[in-house]
Amino acid sequence: MRLHEVARMVRLLIVALLLSAMPLAAEEEVPKVADPTFSPNELAYCAPIAVVITCATEGAIIRWTDDDSTIPSPTVGTIYTEPIAYYFGNHMIRAIAYKPGWKDSEVVWVTFFGSF
C-alpha cells in the first residue's frame, strides 16, 4: 500500500469514528390524546339516559364498547358519533381516543346502574 492510500484510509476511519460519536438529534416528543370524558358521570340513572363522550383533543376519534369484555382500541369498538341511549339495566362503557401521529389516550370507563 502506498503512503497516500494509508493516509486516505486513516482519514476515512477518523471521519467514521467522529460521525458515530455524534449525538443523534433529540427525538420530538409525540403528543398524547386527552382521555375521553363521559356525561353524565353519575353512576345511577332513571331511564332513559343519553351518554355523551367527548375528548379535549381536537380531531381525535373516540371508539367505545359496552359489552363488559371488549377493550376498545383504534381498531376495535364502535366509533362514537352520537349520544348512546340506554333505557334500563346496568352498563359499563369503555372508551379510548386516538389521532394519527399521536399517542393514544388511556382506556377509561364508567358504569351506569339503571333504576326502574
N, C-alpha and C. Protein backbone atom coordinates (compact mmCIF):
# COMPACT_ATOMS: atom_id res chain seq x y z
N MET A 1 0.84 -1.17 0.00
CA MET A 1 0.00 0.00 0.00
C MET A 1 0.89 1.24 0.00
N ARG A 2 0.49 2.21 -0.71
CA ARG A 2 1.26 3.44 -0.76
C ARG A 2 0.87 4.35 0.40
N LEU A 3 1.75 5.24 0.70
CA LEU A 3 1.55 6.13 1.84
C LEU A 3 0.29 6.98 1.68
N HIS A 4 0.02 7.49 0.50
CA HIS A 4 -1.18 8.32 0.31
C HIS A 4 -2.46 7.48 0.46
N GLU A 5 -2.44 6.20 0.13
CA GLU A 5 -3.59 5.32 0.33
C GLU A 5 -3.82 5.06 1.81
N VAL A 6 -2.76 4.86 2.55
CA VAL A 6 -2.86 4.66 4.01
C VAL A 6 -3.41 5.93 4.65
N ALA A 7 -2.91 7.08 4.26
CA ALA A 7 -3.38 8.35 4.82
C ALA A 7 -4.87 8.55 4.52
N ARG A 8 -5.29 8.20 3.32
CA ARG A 8 -6.71 8.32 2.96
C ARG A 8 -7.57 7.40 3.82
N MET A 9 -7.14 6.16 4.04
CA MET A 9 -7.88 5.21 4.87
C MET A 9 -7.96 5.70 6.31
N VAL A 10 -6.88 6.27 6.81
CA VAL A 10 -6.89 6.81 8.18
C VAL A 10 -7.89 7.96 8.29
N ARG A 11 -7.90 8.86 7.29
CA ARG A 11 -8.86 9.96 7.30
C ARG A 11 -10.30 9.44 7.28
N LEU A 12 -10.56 8.45 6.46
CA LEU A 12 -11.91 7.88 6.40
C LEU A 12 -12.30 7.24 7.72
N LEU A 13 -11.38 6.54 8.36
CA LEU A 13 -11.65 5.96 9.67
C LEU A 13 -11.93 7.03 10.71
N ILE A 14 -11.16 8.09 10.69
CA ILE A 14 -11.38 9.18 11.64
C ILE A 14 -12.75 9.81 11.44
N VAL A 15 -13.12 10.07 10.20
CA VAL A 15 -14.44 10.64 9.90
C VAL A 15 -15.54 9.69 10.37
N ALA A 16 -15.38 8.40 10.10
CA ALA A 16 -16.39 7.42 10.52
C ALA A 16 -16.52 7.40 12.04
N LEU A 17 -15.41 7.44 12.75
CA LEU A 17 -15.45 7.45 14.22
C LEU A 17 -16.10 8.72 14.75
N LEU A 18 -15.77 9.85 14.15
CA LEU A 18 -16.38 11.11 14.59
C LEU A 18 -17.88 11.11 14.35
N LEU A 19 -18.31 10.63 13.21
CA LEU A 19 -19.74 10.58 12.92
C LEU A 19 -20.47 9.64 13.86
N SER A 20 -19.86 8.51 14.20
CA SER A 20 -20.53 7.56 15.09
C SER A 20 -20.59 8.09 16.51
N ALA A 21 -19.73 9.02 16.89
CA ALA A 21 -19.71 9.56 18.24
C ALA A 21 -20.63 10.76 18.39
N MET A 22 -21.15 11.28 17.28
CA MET A 22 -22.03 12.45 17.35
C MET A 22 -23.36 12.06 17.96
N PRO A 23 -23.90 12.90 18.85
CA PRO A 23 -25.22 12.59 19.41
C PRO A 23 -26.29 12.69 18.33
N LEU A 24 -27.26 11.82 18.42
CA LEU A 24 -28.37 11.87 17.47
C LEU A 24 -29.27 13.04 17.82
N ALA A 25 -29.96 13.54 16.86
CA ALA A 25 -30.89 14.63 17.12
C ALA A 25 -31.94 14.16 18.12
N ALA A 26 -32.32 15.04 19.03
CA ALA A 26 -33.32 14.68 20.03
C ALA A 26 -34.62 14.32 19.33
N GLU A 27 -35.21 13.23 19.78
CA GLU A 27 -36.48 12.81 19.21
C GLU A 27 -37.55 13.79 19.65
N GLU A 28 -38.42 14.15 18.72
CA GLU A 28 -39.52 15.01 19.08
C GLU A 28 -40.49 14.22 19.93
N GLU A 29 -40.98 14.87 20.97
CA GLU A 29 -41.95 14.20 21.83
C GLU A 29 -43.29 14.14 21.10
N VAL A 30 -43.86 12.95 21.06
CA VAL A 30 -45.14 12.75 20.40
C VAL A 30 -46.25 13.14 21.38
N PRO A 31 -47.15 14.03 20.98
CA PRO A 31 -48.22 14.42 21.90
C PRO A 31 -49.17 13.25 22.17
N LYS A 32 -49.82 13.31 23.32
CA LYS A 32 -50.77 12.26 23.72
C LYS A 32 -52.19 12.83 23.67
N VAL A 33 -53.10 12.03 23.15
CA VAL A 33 -54.51 12.42 23.07
C VAL A 33 -55.09 12.44 24.49
N ALA A 34 -55.91 13.45 24.77
CA ALA A 34 -56.57 13.55 26.07
C ALA A 34 -57.52 12.38 26.28
N ASP A 35 -57.68 11.98 27.53
CA ASP A 35 -58.61 10.89 27.85
C ASP A 35 -60.06 11.34 27.58
N PRO A 36 -60.88 10.44 27.07
CA PRO A 36 -62.30 10.77 26.88
C PRO A 36 -62.98 11.03 28.22
N THR A 37 -64.04 11.81 28.18
CA THR A 37 -64.85 12.03 29.38
C THR A 37 -66.30 11.70 29.06
N PHE A 38 -67.02 11.32 30.10
CA PHE A 38 -68.42 10.91 29.96
C PHE A 38 -69.34 11.93 30.61
N SER A 39 -70.50 12.12 30.01
CA SER A 39 -71.53 12.96 30.61
C SER A 39 -72.88 12.31 30.33
N PRO A 40 -73.73 12.08 31.30
CA PRO A 40 -73.48 12.39 32.70
C PRO A 40 -72.41 11.45 33.27
N ASN A 41 -71.86 11.84 34.39
CA ASN A 41 -70.87 10.97 35.02
C ASN A 41 -71.39 10.39 36.33
N GLU A 42 -72.69 10.54 36.60
CA GLU A 42 -73.28 9.91 37.76
C GLU A 42 -73.41 8.41 37.50
N LEU A 43 -73.36 7.65 38.57
CA LEU A 43 -73.41 6.20 38.41
C LEU A 43 -74.82 5.67 38.30
N ALA A 44 -75.79 6.31 38.96
CA ALA A 44 -77.16 5.81 38.94
C ALA A 44 -78.01 6.69 38.04
N TYR A 45 -78.96 6.09 37.37
CA TYR A 45 -79.83 6.86 36.49
C TYR A 45 -81.23 6.28 36.50
N CYS A 46 -82.17 7.15 36.18
CA CYS A 46 -83.54 6.71 35.94
C CYS A 46 -83.72 6.75 34.43
N ALA A 47 -84.23 5.68 33.88
CA ALA A 47 -84.34 5.56 32.43
C ALA A 47 -85.21 6.67 31.88
N PRO A 48 -84.97 7.10 30.67
CA PRO A 48 -83.85 6.80 29.79
C PRO A 48 -82.65 7.71 30.08
N ILE A 49 -81.52 7.36 29.51
CA ILE A 49 -80.30 8.16 29.67
C ILE A 49 -79.60 8.22 28.32
N ALA A 50 -78.96 9.35 28.06
CA ALA A 50 -78.16 9.53 26.84
C ALA A 50 -76.75 9.89 27.29
N VAL A 51 -75.79 9.02 27.02
CA VAL A 51 -74.41 9.22 27.44
C VAL A 51 -73.64 9.90 26.32
N VAL A 52 -73.00 11.00 26.66
CA VAL A 52 -72.19 11.75 25.71
C VAL A 52 -70.72 11.51 26.06
N ILE A 53 -69.91 11.19 25.04
CA ILE A 53 -68.47 11.02 25.25
C ILE A 53 -67.76 12.12 24.47
N THR A 54 -66.86 12.81 25.14
CA THR A 54 -66.11 13.88 24.48
C THR A 54 -64.62 13.70 24.71
N CYS A 55 -63.84 14.43 23.91
CA CYS A 55 -62.38 14.43 24.05
C CYS A 55 -61.89 15.85 23.80
N ALA A 56 -61.01 16.32 24.66
CA ALA A 56 -60.49 17.69 24.54
C ALA A 56 -59.51 17.86 23.40
N THR A 57 -59.01 16.77 22.83
CA THR A 57 -58.06 16.87 21.73
C THR A 57 -58.81 17.03 20.42
N GLU A 58 -58.62 18.18 19.78
CA GLU A 58 -59.31 18.46 18.53
C GLU A 58 -58.92 17.44 17.46
N GLY A 59 -59.93 16.91 16.78
CA GLY A 59 -59.69 15.97 15.70
C GLY A 59 -59.51 14.53 16.15
N ALA A 60 -59.60 14.27 17.46
CA ALA A 60 -59.46 12.89 17.95
C ALA A 60 -60.70 12.08 17.62
N ILE A 61 -60.51 10.80 17.41
CA ILE A 61 -61.59 9.86 17.15
C ILE A 61 -61.79 9.04 18.42
N ILE A 62 -63.04 8.84 18.81
CA ILE A 62 -63.36 8.06 20.02
C ILE A 62 -63.99 6.75 19.58
N ARG A 63 -63.49 5.65 20.16
CA ARG A 63 -64.15 4.34 20.00
C ARG A 63 -64.61 3.89 21.37
N TRP A 64 -65.74 3.18 21.40
CA TRP A 64 -66.29 2.74 22.67
C TRP A 64 -66.85 1.33 22.56
N THR A 65 -66.95 0.67 23.70
CA THR A 65 -67.59 -0.65 23.80
C THR A 65 -68.44 -0.65 25.06
N ASP A 66 -69.41 -1.54 25.10
CA ASP A 66 -70.23 -1.69 26.31
C ASP A 66 -70.62 -3.14 26.56
N ASP A 67 -69.79 -4.07 26.09
CA ASP A 67 -70.14 -5.49 26.25
C ASP A 67 -69.44 -6.15 27.44
N ASP A 68 -68.84 -5.38 28.32
CA ASP A 68 -68.20 -5.87 29.56
C ASP A 68 -66.97 -6.73 29.33
N SER A 69 -66.55 -6.97 28.10
CA SER A 69 -65.36 -7.80 27.91
C SER A 69 -64.39 -7.23 26.86
N THR A 70 -64.91 -6.51 25.88
CA THR A 70 -64.06 -5.99 24.81
C THR A 70 -63.48 -4.64 25.20
N ILE A 71 -62.16 -4.52 25.10
CA ILE A 71 -61.50 -3.26 25.39
C ILE A 71 -61.31 -2.51 24.08
N PRO A 72 -61.77 -1.26 24.01
CA PRO A 72 -61.64 -0.54 22.75
C PRO A 72 -60.19 -0.19 22.42
N SER A 73 -59.93 -0.03 21.14
CA SER A 73 -58.60 0.37 20.65
C SER A 73 -58.84 1.15 19.36
N PRO A 74 -57.79 1.65 18.73
CA PRO A 74 -58.01 2.35 17.46
C PRO A 74 -58.62 1.48 16.35
N THR A 75 -58.66 0.16 16.56
CA THR A 75 -59.26 -0.72 15.54
C THR A 75 -60.43 -1.54 16.08
N VAL A 76 -60.73 -1.42 17.36
CA VAL A 76 -61.79 -2.23 17.97
C VAL A 76 -62.79 -1.30 18.66
N GLY A 77 -64.06 -1.57 18.47
CA GLY A 77 -65.10 -0.78 19.11
C GLY A 77 -65.86 0.04 18.09
N THR A 78 -66.93 0.66 18.57
CA THR A 78 -67.79 1.49 17.73
C THR A 78 -67.26 2.92 17.74
N ILE A 79 -67.15 3.52 16.57
CA ILE A 79 -66.74 4.92 16.51
C ILE A 79 -67.89 5.77 17.04
N TYR A 80 -67.56 6.63 18.01
CA TYR A 80 -68.58 7.47 18.63
C TYR A 80 -69.00 8.58 17.68
N THR A 81 -70.32 8.66 17.42
CA THR A 81 -70.84 9.71 16.54
C THR A 81 -72.03 10.45 17.15
N GLU A 82 -72.69 9.83 18.14
CA GLU A 82 -73.86 10.45 18.75
C GLU A 82 -74.06 9.88 20.15
N PRO A 83 -74.86 10.56 20.99
CA PRO A 83 -75.08 10.05 22.35
C PRO A 83 -75.59 8.61 22.34
N ILE A 84 -75.16 7.88 23.36
CA ILE A 84 -75.53 6.47 23.48
C ILE A 84 -76.74 6.39 24.40
N ALA A 85 -77.84 5.83 23.90
CA ALA A 85 -79.09 5.79 24.66
C ALA A 85 -79.25 4.46 25.38
N TYR A 86 -79.63 4.54 26.67
CA TYR A 86 -79.96 3.36 27.47
C TYR A 86 -81.32 3.61 28.11
N TYR A 87 -82.11 2.54 28.16
CA TYR A 87 -83.45 2.67 28.71
C TYR A 87 -83.62 1.92 30.02
N PHE A 88 -82.80 0.90 30.25
CA PHE A 88 -82.87 0.16 31.51
C PHE A 88 -81.60 -0.67 31.66
N GLY A 89 -81.35 -1.14 32.87
CA GLY A 89 -80.23 -2.04 33.11
C GLY A 89 -78.93 -1.34 33.46
N ASN A 90 -77.93 -2.16 33.73
CA ASN A 90 -76.60 -1.68 34.10
C ASN A 90 -75.68 -1.75 32.89
N HIS A 91 -74.83 -0.76 32.75
CA HIS A 91 -73.97 -0.69 31.57
C HIS A 91 -72.59 -0.17 31.94
N MET A 92 -71.54 -0.86 31.48
CA MET A 92 -70.17 -0.36 31.61
C MET A 92 -69.74 0.08 30.21
N ILE A 93 -69.35 1.33 30.10
CA ILE A 93 -68.87 1.86 28.83
C ILE A 93 -67.38 2.10 28.97
N ARG A 94 -66.62 1.57 28.01
CA ARG A 94 -65.18 1.82 27.94
C ARG A 94 -64.93 2.65 26.68
N ALA A 95 -63.97 3.57 26.76
CA ALA A 95 -63.69 4.42 25.61
C ALA A 95 -62.20 4.74 25.51
N ILE A 96 -61.76 4.95 24.28
CA ILE A 96 -60.39 5.37 24.00
C ILE A 96 -60.48 6.45 22.92
N ALA A 97 -59.55 7.39 22.95
CA ALA A 97 -59.48 8.40 21.90
C ALA A 97 -58.12 8.28 21.22
N TYR A 98 -58.09 8.50 19.93
CA TYR A 98 -56.83 8.40 19.19
C TYR A 98 -56.83 9.38 18.04
N LYS A 99 -55.62 9.67 17.57
CA LYS A 99 -55.43 10.59 16.46
C LYS A 99 -54.16 10.18 15.74
N PRO A 100 -54.18 10.05 14.42
CA PRO A 100 -52.97 9.64 13.70
C PRO A 100 -51.77 10.53 14.04
N GLY A 101 -50.64 9.89 14.33
CA GLY A 101 -49.42 10.61 14.65
C GLY A 101 -49.30 10.98 16.12
N TRP A 102 -50.31 10.67 16.93
CA TRP A 102 -50.31 10.97 18.36
C TRP A 102 -50.34 9.66 19.15
N LYS A 103 -49.96 9.71 20.42
CA LYS A 103 -50.11 8.57 21.31
C LYS A 103 -51.58 8.48 21.70
N ASP A 104 -52.09 7.24 21.77
CA ASP A 104 -53.49 7.03 22.14
C ASP A 104 -53.73 7.46 23.59
N SER A 105 -54.98 7.83 23.88
CA SER A 105 -55.36 8.12 25.26
C SER A 105 -55.36 6.82 26.06
N GLU A 106 -55.55 6.95 27.34
CA GLU A 106 -55.78 5.77 28.17
C GLU A 106 -57.20 5.28 27.89
N VAL A 107 -57.45 4.00 28.16
CA VAL A 107 -58.82 3.49 28.10
C VAL A 107 -59.48 3.88 29.41
N VAL A 108 -60.60 4.57 29.31
CA VAL A 108 -61.33 5.00 30.50
C VAL A 108 -62.70 4.32 30.49
N TRP A 109 -63.32 4.25 31.65
CA TRP A 109 -64.60 3.56 31.73
C TRP A 109 -65.50 4.20 32.78
N VAL A 110 -66.77 3.95 32.64
CA VAL A 110 -67.76 4.37 33.61
C VAL A 110 -68.85 3.31 33.61
N THR A 111 -69.46 3.10 34.77
CA THR A 111 -70.56 2.15 34.89
C THR A 111 -71.81 2.89 35.32
N PHE A 112 -72.90 2.62 34.63
CA PHE A 112 -74.19 3.22 34.97
C PHE A 112 -75.10 2.13 35.51
N PHE A 113 -75.80 2.43 36.61
CA PHE A 113 -76.73 1.50 37.22
C PHE A 113 -78.13 2.07 37.04
N GLY A 114 -78.95 1.35 36.25
CA GLY A 114 -80.29 1.83 35.96
C GLY A 114 -81.29 1.43 37.03
N SER A 115 -82.17 2.35 37.35
CA SER A 115 -83.27 2.04 38.27
C SER A 115 -84.56 2.11 37.49
N PHE A 116 -85.49 1.29 37.88
CA PHE A 116 -86.74 1.20 37.12
C PHE A 116 -87.84 1.98 37.79
